[in-house]
Amino acid sequence: MKPEYEAFPLKAYDKIRYADTDRQGHVNNALFSTFLETGRTELLYANEPLHAENAAFVIASLKLDLLSEIRWPGTVEIGSAITRVGSSSFSLFQGIYQKGKLAAMAETVIVQMDEHTRKSAPLSSKTKDRLKEYLVELEKG
């Protein structure tokens, strides 16, 4: 699946800094994770934090496909969508775009962790309902 940016229910952007580039003249691949974080935090923390009290969200899995280079100067757009809501975790699909071109796609599994026990903790029904507002079904292809 290679979705258009407009198809994502959650949208964010990030400015590319000159310092983000490497000796090849494009944005270093390590920065792609930072762009994904920008999109994630818009969902997880922008309005009201989604995690329970004494809990935090941690990444259990991240699959990142780099499709094309990103160049300075400019901005990137980050589209995000929930693809699965479980009992203590959820899955997030994201796309990173520059000038309308898909540069990377990522699939992330995020788990709610109890900060005291350091083990997974169930998502509240309120959190599940909020996540489901951004739930999309991905086409397999």
N, C-alpha and C. Protein backbone atom coordinates (compact mmCIF):
# COMPACT_ATOMS: atom_id res chain seq x y z
N MET A 1 0.84 -1.18 0.00
CA MET A 1 0.00 0.00 0.00
C MET A 1 0.88 1.24 0.00
N LYS A 2 0.62 2.13 -0.92
CA LYS A 2 1.32 3.41 -0.96
C LYS A 2 0.27 4.52 -1.00
N PRO A 3 -0.25 4.89 0.17
CA PRO A 3 -1.36 5.84 0.23
C PRO A 3 -0.92 7.28 -0.07
N GLU A 4 -1.88 8.07 -0.48
CA GLU A 4 -1.67 9.50 -0.64
C GLU A 4 -1.72 10.14 0.75
N TYR A 5 -1.02 11.23 0.93
CA TYR A 5 -0.99 11.93 2.21
C TYR A 5 -2.40 12.30 2.67
N GLU A 6 -3.23 12.72 1.73
CA GLU A 6 -4.58 13.16 2.06
C GLU A 6 -5.44 12.04 2.65
N ALA A 7 -5.07 10.79 2.42
CA ALA A 7 -5.85 9.65 2.90
C ALA A 7 -5.69 9.41 4.41
N PHE A 8 -4.68 10.00 5.03
CA PHE A 8 -4.44 9.77 6.45
C PHE A 8 -5.36 10.63 7.31
N PRO A 9 -5.91 10.06 8.39
CA PRO A 9 -6.77 10.85 9.27
C PRO A 9 -5.99 11.82 10.17
N LEU A 10 -4.72 11.57 10.39
CA LEU A 10 -3.88 12.45 11.22
C LEU A 10 -2.73 12.97 10.37
N LYS A 11 -2.50 14.28 10.46
CA LYS A 11 -1.46 14.90 9.64
C LYS A 11 -0.58 15.81 10.49
N ALA A 12 0.70 15.80 10.19
CA ALA A 12 1.67 16.66 10.87
C ALA A 12 2.75 17.04 9.87
N TYR A 13 3.63 17.94 10.26
CA TYR A 13 4.75 18.29 9.39
C TYR A 13 5.97 18.58 10.25
N ASP A 14 7.12 18.57 9.62
CA ASP A 14 8.38 18.88 10.29
C ASP A 14 9.25 19.66 9.31
N LYS A 15 10.01 20.59 9.83
CA LYS A 15 10.94 21.36 9.01
C LYS A 15 12.27 20.62 8.94
N ILE A 16 12.85 20.57 7.75
CA ILE A 16 14.15 19.93 7.56
C ILE A 16 15.23 20.97 7.83
N ARG A 17 16.17 20.62 8.68
CA ARG A 17 17.29 21.50 9.00
C ARG A 17 18.51 21.10 8.16
N TYR A 18 19.36 22.05 7.89
CA TYR A 18 20.59 21.74 7.16
C TYR A 18 21.39 20.66 7.90
N ALA A 19 21.38 20.72 9.23
CA ALA A 19 22.13 19.75 10.04
C ALA A 19 21.58 18.33 9.91
N ASP A 20 20.39 18.18 9.35
CA ASP A 20 19.80 16.85 9.16
C ASP A 20 20.41 16.10 7.97
N THR A 21 21.18 16.80 7.16
CA THR A 21 21.73 16.17 5.95
C THR A 21 23.06 15.47 6.25
N ASP A 22 23.41 14.53 5.39
CA ASP A 22 24.68 13.83 5.54
C ASP A 22 25.57 14.16 4.34
N ARG A 23 26.68 13.49 4.22
CA ARG A 23 27.64 13.84 3.17
C ARG A 23 27.13 13.54 1.77
N GLN A 24 26.06 12.74 1.64
CA GLN A 24 25.46 12.50 0.33
C GLN A 24 24.51 13.63 -0.08
N GLY A 25 24.27 14.58 0.84
CA GLY A 25 23.43 15.73 0.52
C GLY A 25 21.95 15.50 0.74
N HIS A 26 21.60 14.35 1.30
CA HIS A 26 20.18 14.12 1.62
C HIS A 26 20.04 13.92 3.12
N VAL A 27 18.78 13.91 3.58
CA VAL A 27 18.52 13.73 5.01
C VAL A 27 19.00 12.34 5.43
N ASN A 28 19.75 12.29 6.52
CA ASN A 28 20.27 11.04 7.04
C ASN A 28 19.12 10.13 7.46
N ASN A 29 19.28 8.83 7.21
CA ASN A 29 18.19 7.88 7.50
C ASN A 29 17.79 7.86 8.97
N ALA A 30 18.67 8.22 9.88
CA ALA A 30 18.32 8.24 11.30
C ALA A 30 17.23 9.25 11.61
N LEU A 31 17.13 10.30 10.79
CA LEU A 31 16.12 11.33 11.02
C LEU A 31 14.71 10.88 10.68
N PHE A 32 14.58 9.84 9.89
CA PHE A 32 13.25 9.36 9.53
C PHE A 32 12.47 8.95 10.79
N SER A 33 13.16 8.37 11.76
CA SER A 33 12.51 8.00 13.02
C SER A 33 12.04 9.23 13.78
N THR A 34 12.79 10.31 13.69
CA THR A 34 12.38 11.56 14.33
C THR A 34 11.12 12.12 13.67
N PHE A 35 11.05 12.03 12.35
CA PHE A 35 9.84 12.48 11.66
C PHE A 35 8.63 11.65 12.09
N LEU A 36 8.82 10.34 12.22
CA LEU A 36 7.73 9.47 12.68
C LEU A 36 7.30 9.86 14.08
N GLU A 37 8.26 10.19 14.93
CA GLU A 37 7.95 10.62 16.29
C GLU A 37 7.08 11.87 16.28
N THR A 38 7.37 12.81 15.39
CA THR A 38 6.56 14.02 15.29
C THR A 38 5.10 13.66 15.02
N GLY A 39 4.87 12.75 14.10
CA GLY A 39 3.50 12.32 13.80
C GLY A 39 2.86 11.58 14.96
N ARG A 40 3.63 10.72 15.61
CA ARG A 40 3.12 9.94 16.75
C ARG A 40 2.70 10.84 17.91
N THR A 41 3.53 11.81 18.24
CA THR A 41 3.24 12.65 19.40
C THR A 41 2.01 13.51 19.18
N GLU A 42 1.71 13.85 17.93
CA GLU A 42 0.47 14.58 17.65
C GLU A 42 -0.73 13.76 18.10
N LEU A 43 -0.67 12.47 17.92
CA LEU A 43 -1.76 11.58 18.33
C LEU A 43 -1.72 11.33 19.84
N LEU A 44 -0.57 10.99 20.37
CA LEU A 44 -0.47 10.51 21.74
C LEU A 44 -0.55 11.59 22.81
N TYR A 45 -0.07 12.81 22.49
CA TYR A 45 0.07 13.81 23.54
C TYR A 45 -0.48 15.19 23.23
N ALA A 46 -0.86 15.49 22.00
CA ALA A 46 -1.19 16.86 21.61
C ALA A 46 -2.35 17.46 22.41
N ASN A 47 -3.46 16.79 22.49
CA ASN A 47 -4.61 17.36 23.20
C ASN A 47 -4.59 16.94 24.66
N GLU A 48 -4.90 15.71 24.88
CA GLU A 48 -4.90 15.13 26.22
C GLU A 48 -4.18 13.79 26.09
N PRO A 49 -3.18 13.55 26.94
CA PRO A 49 -2.44 12.28 26.80
C PRO A 49 -3.37 11.07 26.80
N LEU A 50 -3.08 10.12 25.93
CA LEU A 50 -3.90 8.92 25.81
C LEU A 50 -3.56 7.86 26.84
N HIS A 51 -2.35 7.89 27.39
CA HIS A 51 -1.94 6.84 28.31
C HIS A 51 -2.60 7.01 29.68
N ALA A 52 -2.70 5.91 30.40
CA ALA A 52 -3.27 5.92 31.74
C ALA A 52 -2.30 6.59 32.71
N GLU A 53 -2.82 6.98 33.87
CA GLU A 53 -1.96 7.53 34.92
C GLU A 53 -0.94 6.46 35.33
N ASN A 54 0.28 6.87 35.58
CA ASN A 54 1.37 5.96 35.95
C ASN A 54 1.68 4.94 34.84
N ALA A 55 1.42 5.33 33.61
CA ALA A 55 1.72 4.47 32.46
C ALA A 55 2.39 5.31 31.39
N ALA A 56 3.01 4.64 30.44
CA ALA A 56 3.66 5.31 29.32
C ALA A 56 3.53 4.42 28.09
N PHE A 57 3.68 5.03 26.93
CA PHE A 57 3.68 4.26 25.70
C PHE A 57 5.12 3.97 25.29
N VAL A 58 5.37 2.74 24.89
CA VAL A 58 6.70 2.34 24.42
C VAL A 58 6.54 1.62 23.08
N ILE A 59 7.56 1.73 22.26
CA ILE A 59 7.54 1.06 20.96
C ILE A 59 8.03 -0.37 21.13
N ALA A 60 7.20 -1.31 20.71
CA ALA A 60 7.57 -2.73 20.76
C ALA A 60 8.15 -3.20 19.43
N SER A 61 7.70 -2.57 18.34
CA SER A 61 8.15 -2.97 17.01
C SER A 61 8.07 -1.77 16.08
N LEU A 62 9.08 -1.65 15.22
CA LEU A 62 9.08 -0.58 14.21
C LEU A 62 9.66 -1.15 12.92
N LYS A 63 8.86 -1.12 11.87
CA LYS A 63 9.31 -1.53 10.54
C LYS A 63 9.28 -0.29 9.66
N LEU A 64 10.42 0.08 9.12
CA LEU A 64 10.55 1.30 8.33
C LEU A 64 11.07 0.96 6.95
N ASP A 65 10.33 1.35 5.92
CA ASP A 65 10.75 1.17 4.53
C ASP A 65 11.12 2.53 3.97
N LEU A 66 12.38 2.69 3.57
CA LEU A 66 12.86 3.92 2.95
C LEU A 66 12.66 3.80 1.44
N LEU A 67 11.87 4.69 0.86
CA LEU A 67 11.49 4.58 -0.54
C LEU A 67 12.20 5.58 -1.45
N SER A 68 12.49 6.75 -0.92
CA SER A 68 13.22 7.75 -1.71
C SER A 68 13.90 8.73 -0.76
N GLU A 69 14.86 9.47 -1.28
CA GLU A 69 15.58 10.39 -0.42
C GLU A 69 14.75 11.64 -0.15
N ILE A 70 15.09 12.29 0.96
CA ILE A 70 14.51 13.58 1.33
C ILE A 70 15.66 14.57 1.30
N ARG A 71 15.40 15.75 0.72
CA ARG A 71 16.48 16.73 0.57
C ARG A 71 16.14 18.03 1.27
N TRP A 72 17.20 18.72 1.69
CA TRP A 72 17.10 20.05 2.28
C TRP A 72 17.20 21.06 1.16
N PRO A 73 16.55 22.21 1.23
CA PRO A 73 15.66 22.71 2.28
C PRO A 73 14.23 22.25 2.06
N GLY A 74 13.39 22.53 3.03
CA GLY A 74 11.98 22.21 2.88
C GLY A 74 11.37 21.63 4.13
N THR A 75 10.25 20.97 3.91
CA THR A 75 9.51 20.34 5.00
C THR A 75 9.14 18.92 4.59
N VAL A 76 8.73 18.14 5.56
CA VAL A 76 8.14 16.84 5.29
C VAL A 76 6.75 16.83 5.92
N GLU A 77 5.86 16.07 5.31
CA GLU A 77 4.53 15.86 5.86
C GLU A 77 4.49 14.43 6.38
N ILE A 78 3.85 14.25 7.53
CA ILE A 78 3.75 12.93 8.14
C ILE A 78 2.28 12.59 8.30
N GLY A 79 1.86 11.51 7.65
CA GLY A 79 0.49 11.03 7.80
C GLY A 79 0.48 9.83 8.73
N SER A 80 -0.51 9.77 9.61
CA SER A 80 -0.60 8.67 10.58
C SER A 80 -2.01 8.13 10.65
N ALA A 81 -2.11 6.81 10.85
CA ALA A 81 -3.40 6.14 10.99
C ALA A 81 -3.25 4.95 11.92
N ILE A 82 -4.27 4.69 12.70
CA ILE A 82 -4.31 3.50 13.55
C ILE A 82 -4.82 2.35 12.69
N THR A 83 -4.17 1.19 12.79
CA THR A 83 -4.61 0.03 12.00
C THR A 83 -5.11 -1.12 12.86
N ARG A 84 -4.83 -1.05 14.18
CA ARG A 84 -5.30 -2.11 15.08
C ARG A 84 -5.30 -1.57 16.49
N VAL A 85 -6.36 -1.93 17.24
CA VAL A 85 -6.43 -1.58 18.66
C VAL A 85 -6.60 -2.88 19.43
N GLY A 86 -5.63 -3.20 20.29
CA GLY A 86 -5.68 -4.42 21.09
C GLY A 86 -5.99 -4.11 22.54
N SER A 87 -5.72 -5.07 23.41
CA SER A 87 -6.04 -4.88 24.83
C SER A 87 -5.02 -3.98 25.54
N SER A 88 -3.73 -4.07 25.18
CA SER A 88 -2.72 -3.22 25.80
C SER A 88 -1.82 -2.55 24.77
N SER A 89 -2.12 -2.73 23.50
CA SER A 89 -1.28 -2.17 22.44
C SER A 89 -2.13 -1.76 21.25
N PHE A 90 -1.49 -1.02 20.36
CA PHE A 90 -2.14 -0.66 19.10
C PHE A 90 -1.07 -0.54 18.02
N SER A 91 -1.52 -0.60 16.77
CA SER A 91 -0.61 -0.51 15.63
C SER A 91 -0.87 0.79 14.89
N LEU A 92 0.21 1.38 14.42
CA LEU A 92 0.18 2.67 13.75
C LEU A 92 0.86 2.52 12.40
N PHE A 93 0.24 3.05 11.36
CA PHE A 93 0.84 3.09 10.03
C PHE A 93 1.11 4.55 9.71
N GLN A 94 2.31 4.85 9.20
CA GLN A 94 2.66 6.23 8.89
C GLN A 94 3.36 6.33 7.54
N GLY A 95 3.18 7.47 6.90
CA GLY A 95 3.88 7.79 5.67
C GLY A 95 4.58 9.12 5.83
N ILE A 96 5.78 9.23 5.28
CA ILE A 96 6.54 10.48 5.27
C ILE A 96 6.63 10.94 3.82
N TYR A 97 6.27 12.19 3.57
CA TYR A 97 6.20 12.74 2.22
C TYR A 97 7.02 14.02 2.12
N GLN A 98 7.60 14.24 0.95
CA GLN A 98 8.20 15.53 0.63
C GLN A 98 7.69 15.94 -0.74
N LYS A 99 7.11 17.12 -0.80
CA LYS A 99 6.56 17.66 -2.05
C LYS A 99 5.59 16.68 -2.69
N GLY A 100 4.78 16.02 -1.86
CA GLY A 100 3.76 15.10 -2.36
C GLY A 100 4.25 13.70 -2.69
N LYS A 101 5.55 13.47 -2.61
CA LYS A 101 6.12 12.15 -2.94
C LYS A 101 6.35 11.35 -1.67
N LEU A 102 5.90 10.10 -1.69
CA LEU A 102 6.09 9.21 -0.55
C LEU A 102 7.56 8.82 -0.44
N ALA A 103 8.19 9.18 0.68
CA ALA A 103 9.61 8.90 0.88
C ALA A 103 9.85 7.71 1.81
N ALA A 104 8.88 7.43 2.70
CA ALA A 104 9.03 6.31 3.63
C ALA A 104 7.68 5.90 4.18
N MET A 105 7.58 4.62 4.55
CA MET A 105 6.39 4.08 5.21
C MET A 105 6.86 3.33 6.45
N ALA A 106 6.05 3.37 7.50
CA ALA A 106 6.42 2.68 8.73
C ALA A 106 5.20 2.04 9.37
N GLU A 107 5.44 0.90 9.98
CA GLU A 107 4.43 0.22 10.79
C GLU A 107 5.02 0.08 12.19
N THR A 108 4.28 0.55 13.18
CA THR A 108 4.76 0.57 14.55
C THR A 108 3.74 -0.08 15.47
N VAL A 109 4.21 -0.91 16.40
CA VAL A 109 3.36 -1.45 17.46
C VAL A 109 3.76 -0.72 18.74
N ILE A 110 2.77 -0.12 19.37
CA ILE A 110 2.99 0.66 20.59
C ILE A 110 2.24 -0.01 21.74
N VAL A 111 2.94 -0.21 22.84
CA VAL A 111 2.37 -0.89 24.01
C VAL A 111 2.28 0.11 25.16
N GLN A 112 1.17 0.04 25.89
CA GLN A 112 1.08 0.82 27.12
C GLN A 112 1.78 0.04 28.23
N MET A 113 2.71 0.71 28.91
CA MET A 113 3.51 0.05 29.95
C MET A 113 3.23 0.70 31.30
N ASP A 114 3.02 -0.11 32.31
CA ASP A 114 2.89 0.36 33.69
C ASP A 114 4.27 0.82 34.14
N GLU A 115 4.38 2.08 34.60
CA GLU A 115 5.68 2.62 34.96
C GLU A 115 6.26 2.00 36.23
N HIS A 116 5.43 1.36 37.06
CA HIS A 116 5.93 0.73 38.29
C HIS A 116 6.39 -0.70 38.03
N THR A 117 5.56 -1.48 37.35
CA THR A 117 5.90 -2.90 37.12
C THR A 117 6.76 -3.09 35.88
N ARG A 118 6.76 -2.07 34.98
CA ARG A 118 7.48 -2.13 33.70
C ARG A 118 6.95 -3.23 32.79
N LYS A 119 5.69 -3.59 32.98
CA LYS A 119 5.02 -4.60 32.15
C LYS A 119 3.86 -3.94 31.42
N SER A 120 3.34 -4.62 30.40
CA SER A 120 2.22 -4.07 29.64
C SER A 120 1.02 -3.86 30.56
N ALA A 121 0.24 -2.84 30.23
CA ALA A 121 -0.95 -2.50 31.01
C ALA A 121 -2.12 -2.32 30.05
N PRO A 122 -3.32 -2.73 30.45
CA PRO A 122 -4.47 -2.62 29.54
C PRO A 122 -4.82 -1.18 29.20
N LEU A 123 -5.24 -0.99 27.96
CA LEU A 123 -5.75 0.31 27.53
C LEU A 123 -7.14 0.50 28.11
N SER A 124 -7.45 1.72 28.54
CA SER A 124 -8.79 2.00 29.04
C SER A 124 -9.77 2.03 27.88
N SER A 125 -11.04 1.89 28.18
CA SER A 125 -12.06 1.95 27.12
C SER A 125 -12.07 3.35 26.49
N LYS A 126 -11.79 4.39 27.28
CA LYS A 126 -11.72 5.75 26.74
C LYS A 126 -10.58 5.87 25.72
N THR A 127 -9.42 5.32 26.07
CA THR A 127 -8.28 5.35 25.15
C THR A 127 -8.58 4.55 23.89
N LYS A 128 -9.16 3.38 24.05
CA LYS A 128 -9.52 2.57 22.87
C LYS A 128 -10.48 3.32 21.96
N ASP A 129 -11.48 3.97 22.55
CA ASP A 129 -12.45 4.73 21.75
C ASP A 129 -11.76 5.86 21.00
N ARG A 130 -10.85 6.57 21.65
CA ARG A 130 -10.14 7.66 20.98
C ARG A 130 -9.25 7.14 19.85
N LEU A 131 -8.58 6.01 20.08
CA LEU A 131 -7.75 5.43 19.03
C LEU A 131 -8.59 5.00 17.84
N LYS A 132 -9.76 4.45 18.11
CA LYS A 132 -10.63 3.96 17.04
C LYS A 132 -11.15 5.09 16.15
N GLU A 133 -11.10 6.33 16.63
CA GLU A 133 -11.48 7.48 15.80
C GLU A 133 -10.56 7.60 14.58
N TYR A 134 -9.35 7.06 14.68
CA TYR A 134 -8.36 7.17 13.62
C TYR A 134 -8.05 5.82 12.98
N LEU A 135 -8.93 4.86 13.21
CA LEU A 135 -8.74 3.50 12.70
C LEU A 135 -9.07 3.44 11.21
N VAL A 136 -8.17 2.85 10.45
CA VAL A 136 -8.38 2.64 9.02
C VAL A 136 -8.04 1.20 8.69
N GLU A 137 -8.63 0.70 7.63
CA GLU A 137 -8.30 -0.65 7.15
C GLU A 137 -7.36 -0.51 5.97
N LEU A 138 -6.20 -1.12 6.09
CA LEU A 138 -5.21 -1.05 5.02
C LEU A 138 -5.51 -2.07 3.94
N GLU A 139 -5.31 -1.64 2.70
CA GLU A 139 -5.41 -2.57 1.58
C GLU A 139 -4.14 -3.40 1.54
N LYS A 140 -4.29 -4.68 1.39
CA LYS A 140 -3.11 -5.55 1.27
C LYS A 140 -2.70 -5.58 -0.19
N GLY A 141 -1.43 -5.32 -0.44
CA GLY A 141 -1.03 -5.29 -1.83
C GLY A 141 0.41 -5.39 -2.06
